[in-house]
Protein backbone atom coordinates (compact mmCIF):
# COMPACT_ATOMS: atom_id res chain seq x y z
CA UNK A 1 61.71 -7.54 153.62
CA UNK A 2 61.52 -4.29 155.15
CA UNK A 3 65.35 -4.45 156.22
CA UNK A 4 65.53 -4.33 151.74
CA UNK A 5 64.16 -1.13 151.46
CA UNK A 6 65.87 0.46 154.42
CA UNK A 7 68.53 -0.66 152.39
CA UNK A 8 68.55 0.45 148.45
CA UNK A 9 72.20 -1.85 148.20
CA UNK A 10 70.79 -4.53 149.31
CA UNK A 11 68.13 -4.67 147.06
CA UNK A 12 69.81 -3.59 144.02
CA UNK A 13 71.90 -6.82 145.15
CA UNK A 14 69.15 -9.04 145.30
CA UNK A 15 67.61 -7.67 141.40
CA UNK A 16 70.95 -7.61 139.84
CA UNK A 17 71.51 -11.30 141.33
CA UNK A 18 68.12 -12.58 139.68
CA UNK A 19 68.32 -10.83 136.39
CA UNK A 20 72.33 -13.02 136.40
CA UNK A 21 70.17 -15.83 137.53
CA UNK A 22 67.59 -15.32 134.34
CA UNK A 23 69.74 -14.46 131.93
CA UNK A 24 71.94 -17.60 131.70
CA UNK A 25 68.73 -19.35 131.91
CA UNK A 26 67.60 -17.24 128.26
CA UNK A 27 71.31 -18.57 127.30
CA UNK A 28 70.57 -22.50 128.39
CA UNK A 29 67.42 -21.91 126.62
CA UNK A 30 69.22 -20.87 123.39
CA UNK A 31 71.63 -23.23 123.23
CA UNK A 32 69.33 -25.60 123.44
CA UNK A 33 67.20 -24.61 120.53
CA UNK A 34 70.44 -24.46 118.58
CA UNK A 35 71.54 -27.42 119.30
CA UNK A 36 67.92 -28.88 118.62
CA UNK A 37 67.67 -27.12 114.96
CA UNK A 38 71.49 -28.06 114.39
CA UNK A 39 70.19 -31.92 114.52
CA UNK A 40 67.07 -31.17 112.59
CA UNK A 41 69.35 -29.39 109.78
CA UNK A 42 71.39 -32.21 109.81
CA UNK A 43 67.98 -34.99 109.84
CA UNK A 44 66.62 -33.16 106.89
CA UNK A 45 70.45 -32.75 104.71
CA UNK A 46 70.50 -36.59 105.14
CA UNK A 47 67.55 -37.38 103.94
CA UNK A 48 68.20 -34.69 101.06
CA UNK A 49 71.38 -36.59 99.99
CA UNK A 50 70.11 -40.05 100.47
CA UNK A 51 68.32 -42.73 97.89
CA UNK A 52 65.22 -43.02 97.47
CA UNK A 53 63.96 -39.59 99.38
CA UNK A 54 66.72 -37.97 96.66
CA UNK A 55 64.39 -38.71 94.31
CA UNK A 56 61.98 -36.57 95.60
CA UNK A 57 63.51 -33.99 97.47
CA UNK A 58 64.66 -31.90 94.55
CA UNK A 59 61.49 -31.70 92.28
CA UNK A 60 59.75 -31.29 95.69
CA UNK A 61 61.22 -28.14 96.25
CA UNK A 62 63.38 -29.64 99.54
CA UNK A 63 67.13 -28.88 99.84
CA UNK A 64 69.96 -28.56 102.54
CA UNK A 65 70.06 -26.06 104.83
CA UNK A 66 72.74 -24.49 106.48
CA UNK A 67 74.34 -25.02 110.16
CA UNK A 68 73.45 -22.02 112.59
CA UNK A 69 76.65 -20.53 113.48
CA UNK A 70 76.71 -17.75 116.06
CA UNK A 71 78.75 -15.19 114.83
CA UNK A 72 79.18 -13.38 118.63
CA UNK A 73 79.97 -16.33 120.57
């Protein structure tokens, strides 16, 4: 710890590595959330189009949902 305080480059490098690690974890969580949303939207769209669910979906206000599309990959 004392060596890291004496050499700010070491501390900055460690902070950068930690930041990279956290960003990677966040990106992974976002990807998982997008996959979950798209799977749920697919299930909903299938049910809205399937008999007998389609008889109740329209009058009750259920409609198809669009899949999540990231404009900036």
